[in-house]
Amino acid sequence: MATVTTALSLTVQSTALGTSSGFGSTPADQVVAAITDALATGTGLDQADLYYAPAAYTITTGADQDIDLSSAALNGIGQTVAFVKIKCIVIYNTTVTAGYEIKVGGAPSNPFISWLMASGDGVKVGPDGILLLWNPSLAGYATAAGASDILRINNPNAGSVIVKVFVIGTTA
């Protein structure tokens, strides 16, 4: 078995400056949200043993990119990609054209939906936007070959989009 370790580090920082009161001071406020977590090698709580990070997908106008999470494709170190639980998904819409959203979810056959509220639901990811799912629990987001293993990315735009995908999960 390969060793797969994962680190999550996310920082969002926002600073707001008000209008000067005329007495030499300008009100300011700063908010910082910093989140860190990690996955060790394995198939349990806070663990993962499989990753998939294909080259970026170019999705043409009106097309779908269906990613079979139990496809038997190979990752960069030669592991067969056959997820049982998903612990992390990152989907990055690298296209910066205004209005070029992608839609994630909604595959009509064998949809991977354990991360959604209901079948048919999905998420819009705007230009230069990121969708991050992180579930280090023992259960993760369940997937099953031939039943619930298709992650769909749809491009409803008038031109092509480039999307980067990174998936981390377990084989059991």
N, C-alpha and C. Protein backbone atom coordinates (compact mmCIF):
# COMPACT_ATOMS: atom_id res chain seq x y z
N MET A 1 0.85 -1.18 0.00
CA MET A 1 0.00 0.00 0.00
C MET A 1 0.89 1.24 0.00
N ALA A 2 0.49 2.22 -0.77
CA ALA A 2 1.22 3.48 -0.83
C ALA A 2 0.95 4.30 0.42
N THR A 3 1.87 5.18 0.74
CA THR A 3 1.68 6.12 1.84
C THR A 3 1.09 7.39 1.26
N VAL A 4 -0.07 7.76 1.76
CA VAL A 4 -0.74 8.99 1.32
C VAL A 4 -1.00 9.83 2.55
N THR A 5 -0.38 10.98 2.63
CA THR A 5 -0.66 11.92 3.72
C THR A 5 -1.19 13.22 3.10
N THR A 6 -2.08 13.86 3.81
CA THR A 6 -2.75 15.04 3.27
C THR A 6 -2.78 16.12 4.33
N ALA A 7 -2.49 17.35 3.93
CA ALA A 7 -2.59 18.49 4.84
C ALA A 7 -3.54 19.52 4.24
N LEU A 8 -4.43 20.01 5.07
CA LEU A 8 -5.34 21.08 4.66
C LEU A 8 -4.94 22.33 5.43
N SER A 9 -4.73 23.41 4.71
CA SER A 9 -4.43 24.70 5.33
C SER A 9 -5.20 25.76 4.58
N LEU A 10 -6.14 26.37 5.25
CA LEU A 10 -7.00 27.36 4.62
C LEU A 10 -7.04 28.60 5.50
N THR A 11 -6.71 29.73 4.92
CA THR A 11 -6.77 30.99 5.65
C THR A 11 -7.55 32.00 4.82
N VAL A 12 -8.54 32.60 5.44
CA VAL A 12 -9.29 33.68 4.82
C VAL A 12 -9.14 34.89 5.72
N GLN A 13 -8.68 35.98 5.14
CA GLN A 13 -8.44 37.20 5.92
C GLN A 13 -9.12 38.36 5.23
N SER A 14 -9.83 39.14 5.99
CA SER A 14 -10.54 40.29 5.44
C SER A 14 -10.31 41.50 6.34
N THR A 15 -10.01 42.63 5.72
CA THR A 15 -9.79 43.87 6.45
C THR A 15 -10.78 44.92 5.94
N ALA A 16 -11.43 45.59 6.84
CA ALA A 16 -12.37 46.64 6.48
C ALA A 16 -11.90 47.96 7.09
N LEU A 17 -11.88 49.00 6.27
CA LEU A 17 -11.53 50.34 6.74
C LEU A 17 -12.75 51.24 6.59
N GLY A 18 -13.07 51.93 7.66
CA GLY A 18 -14.20 52.85 7.64
C GLY A 18 -13.79 54.22 7.14
N THR A 19 -14.66 55.16 7.32
CA THR A 19 -14.40 56.54 6.92
C THR A 19 -13.82 57.29 8.11
N SER A 20 -12.82 58.11 7.84
CA SER A 20 -12.18 58.88 8.90
C SER A 20 -13.20 59.75 9.61
N SER A 21 -13.07 59.81 10.92
CA SER A 21 -14.00 60.61 11.72
C SER A 21 -13.62 62.09 11.72
N GLY A 22 -12.50 62.42 11.09
CA GLY A 22 -12.06 63.80 11.08
C GLY A 22 -11.15 64.14 12.24
N PHE A 23 -10.97 63.21 13.15
CA PHE A 23 -10.11 63.43 14.30
C PHE A 23 -8.81 62.64 14.18
N GLY A 24 -8.44 62.26 12.95
CA GLY A 24 -7.16 61.60 12.73
C GLY A 24 -7.20 60.08 12.84
N SER A 25 -8.34 59.53 13.13
CA SER A 25 -8.38 58.06 13.20
C SER A 25 -9.38 57.52 12.19
N THR A 26 -9.06 56.35 11.65
CA THR A 26 -9.94 55.66 10.72
C THR A 26 -10.29 54.31 11.34
N PRO A 27 -11.56 54.05 11.55
CA PRO A 27 -11.92 52.77 12.14
C PRO A 27 -11.54 51.62 11.21
N ALA A 28 -11.05 50.54 11.81
CA ALA A 28 -10.65 49.38 11.03
C ALA A 28 -11.04 48.11 11.77
N ASP A 29 -11.28 47.08 11.01
CA ASP A 29 -11.58 45.78 11.59
C ASP A 29 -10.94 44.72 10.71
N GLN A 30 -10.42 43.68 11.34
CA GLN A 30 -9.81 42.59 10.59
C GLN A 30 -10.34 41.27 11.15
N VAL A 31 -10.72 40.39 10.23
CA VAL A 31 -11.22 39.08 10.58
C VAL A 31 -10.35 38.03 9.90
N VAL A 32 -9.93 37.04 10.67
CA VAL A 32 -9.11 35.97 10.11
C VAL A 32 -9.73 34.64 10.52
N ALA A 33 -9.95 33.79 9.53
CA ALA A 33 -10.39 32.42 9.79
C ALA A 33 -9.29 31.50 9.27
N ALA A 34 -8.66 30.78 10.17
CA ALA A 34 -7.58 29.87 9.80
C ALA A 34 -7.97 28.45 10.20
N ILE A 35 -7.93 27.56 9.24
CA ILE A 35 -8.32 26.17 9.47
C ILE A 35 -7.18 25.27 9.01
N THR A 36 -6.77 24.36 9.87
CA THR A 36 -5.79 23.36 9.48
C THR A 36 -6.27 21.99 9.94
N ASP A 37 -5.96 20.99 9.15
CA ASP A 37 -6.31 19.61 9.48
C ASP A 37 -5.40 18.72 8.66
N ALA A 38 -5.41 17.43 8.97
CA ALA A 38 -4.54 16.51 8.25
C ALA A 38 -5.16 15.13 8.21
N LEU A 39 -4.76 14.37 7.20
CA LEU A 39 -5.14 12.98 7.07
C LEU A 39 -3.86 12.15 7.05
N ALA A 40 -3.82 11.12 7.88
CA ALA A 40 -2.70 10.18 7.87
C ALA A 40 -3.03 9.05 6.90
N THR A 41 -2.09 8.15 6.68
CA THR A 41 -2.32 7.01 5.80
C THR A 41 -3.22 5.98 6.48
N GLY A 42 -4.24 5.51 5.77
CA GLY A 42 -5.12 4.49 6.29
C GLY A 42 -6.52 4.65 5.75
N THR A 43 -7.47 3.93 6.34
CA THR A 43 -8.85 3.96 5.85
C THR A 43 -9.85 4.35 6.93
N GLY A 44 -9.39 4.83 8.07
CA GLY A 44 -10.27 5.16 9.18
C GLY A 44 -10.50 6.64 9.34
N LEU A 45 -10.84 7.01 10.57
CA LEU A 45 -11.05 8.40 10.96
C LEU A 45 -9.77 9.20 10.72
N ASP A 46 -9.89 10.34 10.08
CA ASP A 46 -8.74 11.21 9.78
C ASP A 46 -7.67 10.50 8.97
N GLN A 47 -8.08 9.62 8.05
CA GLN A 47 -7.14 8.88 7.23
C GLN A 47 -7.61 8.79 5.79
N ALA A 48 -6.64 8.58 4.89
CA ALA A 48 -6.91 8.33 3.47
C ALA A 48 -5.75 7.52 2.91
N ASP A 49 -6.04 6.73 1.88
CA ASP A 49 -4.98 5.92 1.28
C ASP A 49 -4.98 5.95 -0.24
N LEU A 50 -5.73 6.89 -0.82
CA LEU A 50 -5.83 6.95 -2.27
C LEU A 50 -6.06 8.39 -2.70
N TYR A 51 -5.45 8.77 -3.81
CA TYR A 51 -5.69 10.11 -4.36
C TYR A 51 -5.84 10.01 -5.87
N TYR A 52 -6.46 11.03 -6.43
CA TYR A 52 -6.60 11.13 -7.88
C TYR A 52 -6.49 12.60 -8.25
N ALA A 53 -5.54 12.92 -9.08
CA ALA A 53 -5.33 14.31 -9.50
C ALA A 53 -4.92 14.31 -10.97
N PRO A 54 -5.89 14.13 -11.86
CA PRO A 54 -5.56 14.10 -13.28
C PRO A 54 -5.11 15.48 -13.75
N ALA A 55 -4.54 15.50 -14.94
CA ALA A 55 -4.24 16.80 -15.55
C ALA A 55 -5.54 17.58 -15.66
N ALA A 56 -5.45 18.87 -15.81
CA ALA A 56 -6.65 19.70 -15.90
C ALA A 56 -7.53 19.23 -17.06
N TYR A 57 -8.84 19.31 -16.85
CA TYR A 57 -9.80 18.96 -17.89
C TYR A 57 -10.19 20.23 -18.65
N THR A 58 -10.19 20.16 -19.97
CA THR A 58 -10.79 21.20 -20.79
C THR A 58 -12.16 20.70 -21.18
N ILE A 59 -13.19 21.40 -20.73
CA ILE A 59 -14.56 20.98 -20.99
C ILE A 59 -15.16 21.95 -22.01
N THR A 60 -15.55 21.43 -23.14
CA THR A 60 -16.05 22.27 -24.22
C THR A 60 -17.47 22.74 -23.95
N THR A 61 -17.93 23.66 -24.76
CA THR A 61 -19.25 24.28 -24.64
C THR A 61 -20.35 23.23 -24.52
N GLY A 62 -21.14 23.34 -23.46
CA GLY A 62 -22.29 22.46 -23.26
C GLY A 62 -21.96 21.02 -22.91
N ALA A 63 -20.69 20.71 -22.69
CA ALA A 63 -20.29 19.32 -22.44
C ALA A 63 -20.21 19.01 -20.95
N ASP A 64 -20.12 17.72 -20.67
CA ASP A 64 -19.95 17.22 -19.31
C ASP A 64 -18.61 16.51 -19.20
N GLN A 65 -18.00 16.61 -18.04
CA GLN A 65 -16.84 15.78 -17.69
C GLN A 65 -17.31 14.88 -16.57
N ASP A 66 -17.47 13.60 -16.84
CA ASP A 66 -17.87 12.64 -15.84
C ASP A 66 -16.63 11.93 -15.32
N ILE A 67 -16.44 12.01 -14.00
CA ILE A 67 -15.29 11.37 -13.37
C ILE A 67 -15.81 10.15 -12.62
N ASP A 68 -15.35 8.98 -13.04
CA ASP A 68 -15.77 7.72 -12.41
C ASP A 68 -14.85 7.48 -11.23
N LEU A 69 -15.39 7.62 -10.03
CA LEU A 69 -14.58 7.50 -8.82
C LEU A 69 -14.22 6.05 -8.50
N SER A 70 -14.73 5.12 -9.28
CA SER A 70 -14.38 3.70 -9.15
C SER A 70 -13.96 3.14 -10.50
N SER A 71 -13.21 3.92 -11.24
CA SER A 71 -12.97 3.64 -12.65
C SER A 71 -11.86 2.65 -12.96
N ALA A 72 -11.01 2.37 -12.00
CA ALA A 72 -9.82 1.57 -12.25
C ALA A 72 -8.79 2.33 -13.08
N ALA A 73 -8.96 3.64 -13.21
CA ALA A 73 -7.91 4.46 -13.82
C ALA A 73 -6.72 4.46 -12.85
N LEU A 74 -5.58 4.88 -13.33
CA LEU A 74 -4.40 4.92 -12.47
C LEU A 74 -4.08 6.35 -12.08
N ASN A 75 -3.61 6.53 -10.83
CA ASN A 75 -3.16 7.85 -10.42
C ASN A 75 -1.68 8.00 -10.74
N GLY A 76 -1.07 9.07 -10.29
CA GLY A 76 0.31 9.39 -10.65
C GLY A 76 1.37 8.43 -10.14
N ILE A 77 1.02 7.57 -9.16
CA ILE A 77 2.00 6.59 -8.67
C ILE A 77 1.59 5.16 -9.02
N GLY A 78 0.63 5.03 -9.94
CA GLY A 78 0.24 3.72 -10.43
C GLY A 78 -0.80 2.99 -9.62
N GLN A 79 -1.41 3.66 -8.63
CA GLN A 79 -2.49 3.04 -7.86
C GLN A 79 -3.77 3.00 -8.70
N THR A 80 -4.51 1.93 -8.59
CA THR A 80 -5.83 1.86 -9.22
C THR A 80 -6.79 2.74 -8.43
N VAL A 81 -7.49 3.61 -9.12
CA VAL A 81 -8.42 4.53 -8.48
C VAL A 81 -9.78 3.84 -8.36
N ALA A 82 -10.09 3.41 -7.15
CA ALA A 82 -11.39 2.78 -6.86
C ALA A 82 -11.77 3.19 -5.44
N PHE A 83 -12.33 4.39 -5.32
CA PHE A 83 -12.68 4.94 -4.02
C PHE A 83 -13.89 4.22 -3.42
N VAL A 84 -13.87 4.05 -2.10
CA VAL A 84 -15.03 3.58 -1.34
C VAL A 84 -15.60 4.74 -0.53
N LYS A 85 -14.71 5.59 -0.02
CA LYS A 85 -15.11 6.79 0.72
C LYS A 85 -14.27 7.96 0.22
N ILE A 86 -14.89 9.10 0.09
CA ILE A 86 -14.20 10.32 -0.31
C ILE A 86 -14.02 11.18 0.93
N LYS A 87 -12.79 11.64 1.13
CA LYS A 87 -12.49 12.51 2.28
C LYS A 87 -12.31 13.97 1.86
N CYS A 88 -11.88 14.18 0.62
CA CYS A 88 -11.64 15.55 0.15
C CYS A 88 -11.83 15.62 -1.36
N ILE A 89 -12.49 16.68 -1.80
CA ILE A 89 -12.57 17.01 -3.22
C ILE A 89 -12.29 18.49 -3.36
N VAL A 90 -11.42 18.81 -4.30
CA VAL A 90 -11.17 20.21 -4.67
C VAL A 90 -11.45 20.32 -6.16
N ILE A 91 -12.32 21.24 -6.53
CA ILE A 91 -12.60 21.51 -7.93
C ILE A 91 -12.38 22.99 -8.16
N TYR A 92 -11.46 23.29 -9.07
CA TYR A 92 -11.05 24.67 -9.32
C TYR A 92 -11.38 25.05 -10.75
N ASN A 93 -12.28 26.00 -10.92
CA ASN A 93 -12.62 26.53 -12.24
C ASN A 93 -11.59 27.60 -12.58
N THR A 94 -10.58 27.23 -13.35
CA THR A 94 -9.47 28.15 -13.63
C THR A 94 -9.84 29.24 -14.62
N THR A 95 -10.97 29.08 -15.29
CA THR A 95 -11.39 30.05 -16.29
C THR A 95 -11.79 31.35 -15.59
N VAL A 96 -11.31 32.48 -16.10
CA VAL A 96 -11.59 33.77 -15.46
C VAL A 96 -12.59 34.62 -16.24
N THR A 97 -13.14 34.08 -17.31
CA THR A 97 -14.12 34.82 -18.10
C THR A 97 -15.38 35.06 -17.27
N ALA A 98 -15.80 36.31 -17.20
CA ALA A 98 -16.98 36.68 -16.40
C ALA A 98 -18.19 35.83 -16.79
N GLY A 99 -18.87 35.30 -15.79
CA GLY A 99 -20.09 34.53 -16.01
C GLY A 99 -19.89 33.07 -16.33
N TYR A 100 -18.65 32.62 -16.51
CA TYR A 100 -18.39 31.22 -16.88
C TYR A 100 -18.38 30.32 -15.65
N GLU A 101 -19.58 29.96 -15.21
CA GLU A 101 -19.73 29.06 -14.08
C GLU A 101 -19.70 27.62 -14.57
N ILE A 102 -19.28 26.72 -13.69
CA ILE A 102 -19.43 25.29 -13.95
C ILE A 102 -20.44 24.76 -12.95
N LYS A 103 -21.06 23.64 -13.28
CA LYS A 103 -22.02 23.00 -12.38
C LYS A 103 -21.45 21.65 -11.98
N VAL A 104 -21.38 21.40 -10.67
CA VAL A 104 -20.83 20.16 -10.14
C VAL A 104 -21.97 19.35 -9.53
N GLY A 105 -22.11 18.10 -9.97
CA GLY A 105 -23.18 17.23 -9.50
C GLY A 105 -24.20 17.02 -10.59
N GLY A 106 -25.17 16.15 -10.33
CA GLY A 106 -26.28 15.97 -11.24
C GLY A 106 -26.08 14.96 -12.36
N ALA A 107 -25.16 14.02 -12.21
CA ALA A 107 -25.03 12.97 -13.23
C ALA A 107 -26.33 12.18 -13.29
N PRO A 108 -26.86 11.88 -14.49
CA PRO A 108 -28.14 11.18 -14.58
C PRO A 108 -28.06 9.69 -14.25
N SER A 109 -26.87 9.12 -14.31
CA SER A 109 -26.71 7.70 -14.05
C SER A 109 -25.59 7.48 -13.04
N ASN A 110 -25.84 6.71 -12.00
CA ASN A 110 -24.87 6.40 -10.95
C ASN A 110 -24.22 7.64 -10.34
N PRO A 111 -25.01 8.66 -9.99
CA PRO A 111 -24.42 9.91 -9.51
C PRO A 111 -23.80 9.77 -8.11
N PHE A 112 -22.63 10.37 -7.95
CA PHE A 112 -22.00 10.50 -6.64
C PHE A 112 -22.71 11.64 -5.93
N ILE A 113 -23.60 11.31 -4.97
CA ILE A 113 -24.43 12.33 -4.34
C ILE A 113 -24.38 12.31 -2.83
N SER A 114 -23.56 11.49 -2.22
CA SER A 114 -23.58 11.41 -0.75
C SER A 114 -23.16 12.73 -0.10
N TRP A 115 -22.61 13.65 -0.85
CA TRP A 115 -22.22 14.96 -0.33
C TRP A 115 -23.33 16.00 -0.54
N LEU A 116 -24.41 15.61 -1.22
CA LEU A 116 -25.51 16.52 -1.49
C LEU A 116 -26.73 16.17 -0.64
N MET A 117 -27.69 17.07 -0.58
CA MET A 117 -28.91 16.84 0.18
C MET A 117 -29.84 15.86 -0.54
N ALA A 118 -29.88 15.95 -1.88
CA ALA A 118 -30.81 15.11 -2.64
C ALA A 118 -30.28 14.86 -4.04
N SER A 119 -30.74 13.79 -4.64
CA SER A 119 -30.38 13.48 -6.02
C SER A 119 -30.80 14.63 -6.92
N GLY A 120 -29.98 14.98 -7.88
CA GLY A 120 -30.28 16.07 -8.79
C GLY A 120 -29.73 17.41 -8.33
N ASP A 121 -29.32 17.50 -7.06
CA ASP A 121 -28.73 18.75 -6.56
C ASP A 121 -27.33 18.93 -7.14
N GLY A 122 -26.84 20.13 -7.07
CA GLY A 122 -25.49 20.45 -7.52
C GLY A 122 -25.04 21.78 -6.98
N VAL A 123 -23.84 22.16 -7.36
CA VAL A 123 -23.25 23.41 -6.89
C VAL A 123 -22.68 24.15 -8.09
N LYS A 124 -22.91 25.46 -8.15
CA LYS A 124 -22.29 26.30 -9.17
C LYS A 124 -20.96 26.80 -8.64
N VAL A 125 -19.94 26.75 -9.47
CA VAL A 125 -18.62 27.27 -9.12
C VAL A 125 -18.29 28.33 -10.16
N GLY A 126 -18.16 29.57 -9.71
CA GLY A 126 -17.93 30.69 -10.61
C GLY A 126 -16.53 30.74 -11.17
N PRO A 127 -16.29 31.69 -12.07
CA PRO A 127 -14.97 31.82 -12.66
C PRO A 127 -13.91 32.07 -11.59
N ASP A 128 -12.79 31.37 -11.71
CA ASP A 128 -11.69 31.43 -10.76
C ASP A 128 -12.14 30.99 -9.36
N GLY A 129 -13.23 30.21 -9.31
CA GLY A 129 -13.80 29.76 -8.04
C GLY A 129 -13.35 28.35 -7.68
N ILE A 130 -13.49 28.04 -6.41
CA ILE A 130 -13.07 26.75 -5.88
C ILE A 130 -14.20 26.13 -5.07
N LEU A 131 -14.44 24.85 -5.29
CA LEU A 131 -15.32 24.06 -4.45
C LEU A 131 -14.43 23.14 -3.64
N LEU A 132 -14.55 23.21 -2.31
CA LEU A 132 -13.77 22.36 -1.42
C LEU A 132 -14.72 21.58 -0.53
N LEU A 133 -14.61 20.26 -0.58
CA LEU A 133 -15.33 19.38 0.34
C LEU A 133 -14.29 18.69 1.20
N TRP A 134 -14.47 18.70 2.49
CA TRP A 134 -13.53 18.07 3.43
C TRP A 134 -14.34 17.32 4.46
N ASN A 135 -14.20 16.01 4.50
CA ASN A 135 -14.94 15.18 5.45
C ASN A 135 -14.01 14.09 5.96
N PRO A 136 -13.22 14.36 7.00
CA PRO A 136 -12.25 13.40 7.51
C PRO A 136 -12.86 12.32 8.41
N SER A 137 -14.19 12.34 8.55
CA SER A 137 -14.84 11.36 9.43
C SER A 137 -14.62 9.94 8.93
N LEU A 138 -14.89 8.98 9.79
CA LEU A 138 -14.77 7.58 9.40
C LEU A 138 -15.64 7.29 8.18
N ALA A 139 -16.85 7.83 8.15
CA ALA A 139 -17.79 7.57 7.06
C ALA A 139 -17.38 8.26 5.75
N GLY A 140 -16.75 9.44 5.84
CA GLY A 140 -16.45 10.19 4.62
C GLY A 140 -17.72 10.39 3.81
N TYR A 141 -17.56 10.53 2.51
CA TYR A 141 -18.70 10.55 1.59
C TYR A 141 -18.66 9.24 0.83
N ALA A 142 -19.65 8.38 1.06
CA ALA A 142 -19.65 7.04 0.48
C ALA A 142 -19.83 7.07 -1.03
N THR A 143 -19.17 6.13 -1.69
CA THR A 143 -19.33 5.92 -3.12
C THR A 143 -19.32 4.43 -3.38
N ALA A 144 -20.00 3.99 -4.42
CA ALA A 144 -20.06 2.56 -4.73
C ALA A 144 -19.99 2.37 -6.24
N ALA A 145 -19.12 1.47 -6.66
CA ALA A 145 -18.94 1.19 -8.09
C ALA A 145 -20.26 0.79 -8.73
N GLY A 146 -20.58 1.43 -9.84
CA GLY A 146 -21.77 1.09 -10.59
C GLY A 146 -23.08 1.56 -9.97
N ALA A 147 -23.00 2.29 -8.86
CA ALA A 147 -24.22 2.74 -8.19
C ALA A 147 -24.20 4.23 -7.85
N SER A 148 -23.07 4.69 -7.31
CA SER A 148 -22.99 6.10 -6.87
C SER A 148 -21.55 6.59 -6.99
N ASP A 149 -21.00 6.50 -8.19
CA ASP A 149 -19.58 6.81 -8.34
C ASP A 149 -19.24 7.81 -9.45
N ILE A 150 -20.24 8.48 -10.02
CA ILE A 150 -19.97 9.42 -11.11
C ILE A 150 -20.08 10.86 -10.60
N LEU A 151 -18.96 11.56 -10.62
CA LEU A 151 -18.91 12.99 -10.28
C LEU A 151 -18.95 13.76 -11.59
N ARG A 152 -20.02 14.51 -11.80
CA ARG A 152 -20.19 15.25 -13.06
C ARG A 152 -19.84 16.71 -12.88
N ILE A 153 -19.10 17.22 -13.87
CA ILE A 153 -18.83 18.66 -13.98
C ILE A 153 -19.38 19.09 -15.33
N ASN A 154 -20.30 20.03 -15.33
CA ASN A 154 -20.97 20.47 -16.54
C ASN A 154 -20.53 21.88 -16.89
N ASN A 155 -20.33 22.13 -18.19
CA ASN A 155 -20.00 23.46 -18.69
C ASN A 155 -21.16 23.98 -19.51
N PRO A 156 -22.02 24.84 -18.94
CA PRO A 156 -23.16 25.37 -19.68
C PRO A 156 -22.83 26.66 -20.46
N ASN A 157 -21.56 27.00 -20.56
CA ASN A 157 -21.15 28.29 -21.11
C ASN A 157 -20.99 28.28 -22.62
N ALA A 158 -20.79 29.46 -23.18
CA ALA A 158 -20.63 29.62 -24.62
C ALA A 158 -19.21 29.30 -25.10
N GLY A 159 -18.31 29.02 -24.19
CA GLY A 159 -16.93 28.68 -24.55
C GLY A 159 -16.38 27.62 -23.61
N SER A 160 -15.22 27.12 -23.91
CA SER A 160 -14.59 26.08 -23.10
C SER A 160 -14.13 26.61 -21.75
N VAL A 161 -14.05 25.71 -20.77
CA VAL A 161 -13.51 26.03 -19.45
C VAL A 161 -12.42 25.02 -19.12
N ILE A 162 -11.50 25.42 -18.27
CA ILE A 162 -10.45 24.52 -17.79
C ILE A 162 -10.67 24.32 -16.30
N VAL A 163 -10.74 23.05 -15.90
CA VAL A 163 -11.06 22.70 -14.53
C VAL A 163 -9.99 21.76 -13.97
N LYS A 164 -9.51 22.06 -12.78
CA LYS A 164 -8.58 21.18 -12.08
C LYS A 164 -9.35 20.44 -10.99
N VAL A 165 -9.05 19.14 -10.83
CA VAL A 165 -9.76 18.29 -9.88
C VAL A 165 -8.73 17.54 -9.05
N PHE A 166 -9.02 17.43 -7.76
CA PHE A 166 -8.16 16.70 -6.82
C PHE A 166 -9.09 15.95 -5.88
N VAL A 167 -8.92 14.63 -5.79
CA VAL A 167 -9.80 13.80 -4.96
C VAL A 167 -8.93 12.96 -4.04
N ILE A 168 -9.31 12.89 -2.76
CA ILE A 168 -8.60 12.07 -1.77
C ILE A 168 -9.65 11.22 -1.06
N GLY A 169 -9.33 9.95 -0.84
CA GLY A 169 -10.28 9.08 -0.17
C GLY A 169 -9.65 7.77 0.26
N THR A 170 -10.51 6.77 0.41
CA THR A 170 -10.05 5.48 0.91
C THR A 170 -10.49 4.34 -0.01
N THR A 171 -9.78 3.24 0.13
CA THR A 171 -10.08 2.04 -0.64
C THR A 171 -10.98 1.08 0.13
N ALA A 172 -11.27 1.40 1.39
CA ALA A 172 -12.13 0.53 2.20
C ALA A 172 -12.98 1.38 3.13
